[in-house]
Amino acid sequence: MSWENRKGRGRYYTTSRRRGGKVVREYFGTGKMAAWAARADELDRQQREDLKARKAVADALDSAVDVACRAIDLVAQASLILAGYRQHNRGEWRKSRETRSEPNAKAQGSLGTRR
């Protein structure tokens, strides 16, 4: 996308585009048609640059959100473990049962009163 000077005949506007795997050069010549093509190409270039800048900002925000989510997950896991929960098969969280070595007060109390 450039203006070229051709042997003293003036400025010509040309573009090179890839079509079907080959580079094809388009000639717009001089005059209004060339000026419109040059302006359209310039607007396209500006839009691509704006999109690239927006994408960079969005990528930075995405990475910040990912870091925050990982931190929140760690805090939630620590809270659940401290509250006596365990994670079953890397899935749902379940309340841990009492250990078998400790006597169960309810079970002994019900056996003693029953006759």
C-alpha atoms as a PDB file:
ATOM      1  CA  MET A   1       0.000   0.000   0.000  1.00  0.00           C
ATOM      2  CA  SER A   2       2.066   2.841  -1.241  1.00  0.00           C
ATOM      3  CA  TRP A   3       2.267   5.764  -3.534  1.00  0.00           C
ATOM      4  CA  GLU A   4       4.923   5.323  -6.219  1.00  0.00           C
ATOM      5  CA  ASN A   5       6.528   7.878  -8.477  1.00  0.00           C
ATOM      6  CA  ARG A   6       6.649   6.594 -12.071  1.00  0.00           C
ATOM      7  CA  LYS A   7       9.267   8.145 -14.359  1.00  0.00           C
ATOM      8  CA  GLY A   8       8.041  11.684 -13.928  1.00  0.00           C
ATOM      9  CA  ARG A   9       4.442  10.780 -14.821  1.00  0.00           C
ATOM     10  CA  GLY A  10       3.132  11.396 -11.328  1.00  0.00           C
ATOM     11  CA  ARG A  11       2.207   9.362  -8.275  1.00  0.00           C
ATOM     12  CA  TYR A  12       0.440   6.023  -8.622  1.00  0.00           C
ATOM     13  CA  TYR A  13      -1.244   4.152  -5.812  1.00  0.00           C
ATOM     14  CA  THR A  14      -0.648   0.383  -5.645  1.00  0.00           C
ATOM     15  CA  THR A  15      -1.412  -2.378  -3.184  1.00  0.00           C
ATOM     16  CA  SER A  16      -0.165  -5.935  -2.825  1.00  0.00           C
ATOM     17  CA  ARG A  17      -2.591  -8.550  -1.557  1.00  0.00           C
ATOM     18  CA  ARG A  18      -2.407 -12.289  -1.122  1.00  0.00           C
ATOM     19  CA  ARG A  19      -4.963 -14.225  -3.173  1.00  0.00           C
ATOM     20  CA  GLY A  20      -4.950 -17.989  -3.448  1.00  0.00           C
ATOM     21  CA  GLY A  21      -1.482 -18.256  -1.954  1.00  0.00           C
ATOM     22  CA  LYS A  22       0.036 -15.785  -4.409  1.00  0.00           C
ATOM     23  CA  VAL A  23       0.824 -12.113  -4.024  1.00  0.00           C
ATOM     24  CA  VAL A  24      -1.164 -10.031  -6.504  1.00  0.00           C
ATOM     25  CA  ARG A  25      -0.428  -6.364  -7.115  1.00  0.00           C
ATOM     26  CA  GLU A  26      -3.344  -4.014  -7.751  1.00  0.00           C
ATOM     27  CA  TYR A  27      -2.829  -0.689  -9.509  1.00  0.00           C
ATOM     28  CA  PHE A  28      -5.226   2.169  -8.804  1.00  0.00           C
ATOM     29  CA  GLY A  29      -3.397   4.814 -10.756  1.00  0.00           C
ATOM     30  CA  THR A  30      -3.769   8.501  -9.976  1.00  0.00           C
ATOM     31  CA  GLY A  31      -6.741  10.698  -9.282  1.00  0.00           C
ATOM     32  CA  LYS A  32      -9.819  10.330  -7.098  1.00  0.00           C
ATOM     33  CA  MET A  33     -10.043   6.543  -7.362  1.00  0.00           C
ATOM     34  CA  ALA A  34      -6.468   6.167  -6.084  1.00  0.00           C
ATOM     35  CA  ALA A  35      -7.063   8.692  -3.276  1.00  0.00           C
ATOM     36  CA  TRP A  36     -10.206   6.820  -2.144  1.00  0.00           C
ATOM     37  CA  ALA A  37      -8.382   3.482  -2.216  1.00  0.00           C
ATOM     38  CA  ALA A  38      -5.500   4.961  -0.222  1.00  0.00           C
ATOM     39  CA  ARG A  39      -7.888   6.401   2.370  1.00  0.00           C
ATOM     40  CA  ALA A  40      -9.789   3.111   2.666  1.00  0.00           C
ATOM     41  CA  ASP A  41      -6.531   1.211   3.172  1.00  0.00           C
ATOM     42  CA  GLU A  42      -5.426   3.706   5.797  1.00  0.00           C
ATOM     43  CA  LEU A  43      -8.727   3.302   7.691  1.00  0.00           C
ATOM     44  CA  ASP A  44      -8.378  -0.498   7.537  1.00  0.00           C
ATOM     45  CA  ARG A  45      -4.853  -0.255   8.911  1.00  0.00           C
ATOM     46  CA  GLN A  46      -6.014   1.986  11.782  1.00  0.00           C
ATOM     47  CA  GLN A  47      -8.844  -0.414  12.618  1.00  0.00           C
ATOM     48  CA  ARG A  48      -6.432  -3.366  12.701  1.00  0.00           C
ATOM     49  CA  GLU A  49      -4.087  -1.452  15.018  1.00  0.00           C
ATOM     50  CA  ASP A  50      -6.981  -0.478  17.310  1.00  0.00           C
ATOM     51  CA  LEU A  51      -8.176  -4.066  17.400  1.00  0.00           C
ATOM     52  CA  LYS A  52      -4.671  -5.280  18.236  1.00  0.00           C
ATOM     53  CA  ALA A  53      -4.418  -2.760  21.098  1.00  0.00           C
ATOM     54  CA  ARG A  54      -7.839  -3.745  22.466  1.00  0.00           C
ATOM     55  CA  LYS A  55      -6.902  -7.416  22.263  1.00  0.00           C
ATOM     56  CA  ALA A  56      -3.712  -6.741  24.246  1.00  0.00           C
ATOM     57  CA  VAL A  57      -5.723  -4.985  26.975  1.00  0.00           C
ATOM     58  CA  ALA A  58      -8.292  -7.806  27.041  1.00  0.00           C
ATOM     59  CA  ASP A  59      -5.541 -10.431  27.288  1.00  0.00           C
ATOM     60  CA  ALA A  60      -3.984  -8.571  30.222  1.00  0.00           C
ATOM     61  CA  LEU A  61      -7.357  -8.423  31.988  1.00  0.00           C
ATOM     62  CA  ASP A  62      -7.982 -12.111  31.313  1.00  0.00           C
ATOM     63  CA  SER A  63      -4.672 -13.090  32.869  1.00  0.00           C
ATOM     64  CA  ALA A  64      -5.394 -10.913  35.923  1.00  0.00           C
ATOM     65  CA  VAL A  65      -8.807 -12.540  36.329  1.00  0.00           C
ATOM     66  CA  ASP A  66      -7.233 -16.001  36.026  1.00  0.00           C
ATOM     67  CA  VAL A  67      -4.754 -15.197  38.796  1.00  0.00           C
ATOM     68  CA  ALA A  68      -7.552 -13.872  41.026  1.00  0.00           C
ATOM     69  CA  CYS A  69      -9.701 -16.961  40.400  1.00  0.00           C
ATOM     70  CA  ARG A  70      -6.840 -19.298  41.329  1.00  0.00           C
ATOM     71  CA  ALA A  71      -6.270 -17.351  44.543  1.00  0.00           C
ATOM     72  CA  ILE A  72      -9.973 -17.479  45.418  1.00  0.00           C
ATOM     73  CA  ASP A  73     -10.051 -21.233  44.755  1.00  0.00           C
ATOM     74  CA  LEU A  74      -7.095 -21.762  47.106  1.00  0.00           C
ATOM     75  CA  VAL A  75      -8.746 -19.719  49.854  1.00  0.00           C
ATOM     76  CA  ALA A  76     -12.017 -21.630  49.411  1.00  0.00           C
ATOM     77  CA  GLN A  77     -10.244 -25.008  49.540  1.00  0.00           C
ATOM     78  CA  ALA A  78      -8.319 -23.998  52.665  1.00  0.00           C
ATOM     79  CA  SER A  79     -11.543 -22.815  54.334  1.00  0.00           C
ATOM     80  CA  LEU A  80     -13.340 -26.058  53.536  1.00  0.00           C
ATOM     81  CA  ILE A  81     -10.446 -28.190  54.822  1.00  0.00           C
ATOM     82  CA  LEU A  82     -10.298 -26.197  58.049  1.00  0.00           C
ATOM     83  CA  ALA A  83     -14.073 -26.592  58.438  1.00  0.00           C
ATOM     84  CA  GLY A  84     -13.683 -30.368  58.307  1.00  0.00           C
ATOM     85  CA  TYR A  85     -14.575 -31.114  54.706  1.00  0.00           C
ATOM     86  CA  ARG A  86     -12.757 -33.307  52.213  1.00  0.00           C
ATOM     87  CA  GLN A  87     -12.922 -33.452  48.446  1.00  0.00           C
ATOM     88  CA  HIS A  88     -14.389 -36.700  47.125  1.00  0.00           C
ATOM     89  CA  ASN A  89     -12.663 -37.978  43.949  1.00  0.00           C
ATOM     90  CA  ARG A  90     -11.612 -34.448  42.935  1.00  0.00           C
ATOM     91  CA  GLY A  91     -15.290 -33.524  42.760  1.00  0.00           C
ATOM     92  CA  GLU A  92     -17.771 -32.496  45.396  1.00  0.00           C
ATOM     93  CA  TRP A  93     -16.826 -31.512  48.921  1.00  0.00           C
ATOM     94  CA  ARG A  94     -18.171 -33.727  51.717  1.00  0.00           C
ATOM     95  CA  LYS A  95     -18.140 -33.380  55.466  1.00  0.00           C
ATOM     96  CA  SER A  96     -15.531 -35.735  56.917  1.00  0.00           C
ATOM     97  CA  ARG A  97     -16.866 -38.545  59.097  1.00  0.00           C
ATOM     98  CA  GLU A  98     -15.770 -39.059  62.670  1.00  0.00           C
ATOM     99  CA  THR A  99     -12.820 -41.386  63.066  1.00  0.00           C
ATOM    100  CA  ARG A 100     -13.580 -45.048  63.917  1.00  0.00           C
ATOM    101  CA  SER A 101     -11.156 -45.150  66.866  1.00  0.00           C
ATOM    102  CA  GLU A 102     -13.239 -42.709  68.908  1.00  0.00           C
ATOM    103  CA  PRO A 103     -16.363 -44.164  70.545  1.00  0.00           C
ATOM    104  CA  ASN A 104     -19.639 -42.809  69.231  1.00  0.00           C
ATOM    105  CA  ALA A 105     -21.587 -41.409  72.190  1.00  0.00           C
ATOM    106  CA  LYS A 106     -24.999 -41.708  70.528  1.00  0.00           C
ATOM    107  CA  ALA A 107     -24.537 -45.343  69.574  1.00  0.00           C
ATOM    108  CA  GLN A 108     -23.411 -46.357  73.081  1.00  0.00           C
ATOM    109  CA  GLY A 109     -26.159 -44.387  74.762  1.00  0.00           C
ATOM    110  CA  SER A 110     -28.879 -46.022  72.681  1.00  0.00           C
ATOM    111  CA  LEU A 111     -27.510 -49.529  73.311  1.00  0.00           C
ATOM    112  CA  GLY A 112     -27.416 -49.016  77.079  1.00  0.00           C
ATOM    113  CA  THR A 113     -31.059 -47.860  77.396  1.00  0.00           C
ATOM    114  CA  ARG A 114     -32.567 -50.508  75.204  1.00  0.00           C
ATOM    115  CA  ARG A 115     -33.783 -53.790  76.724  1.00  0.00           C
END
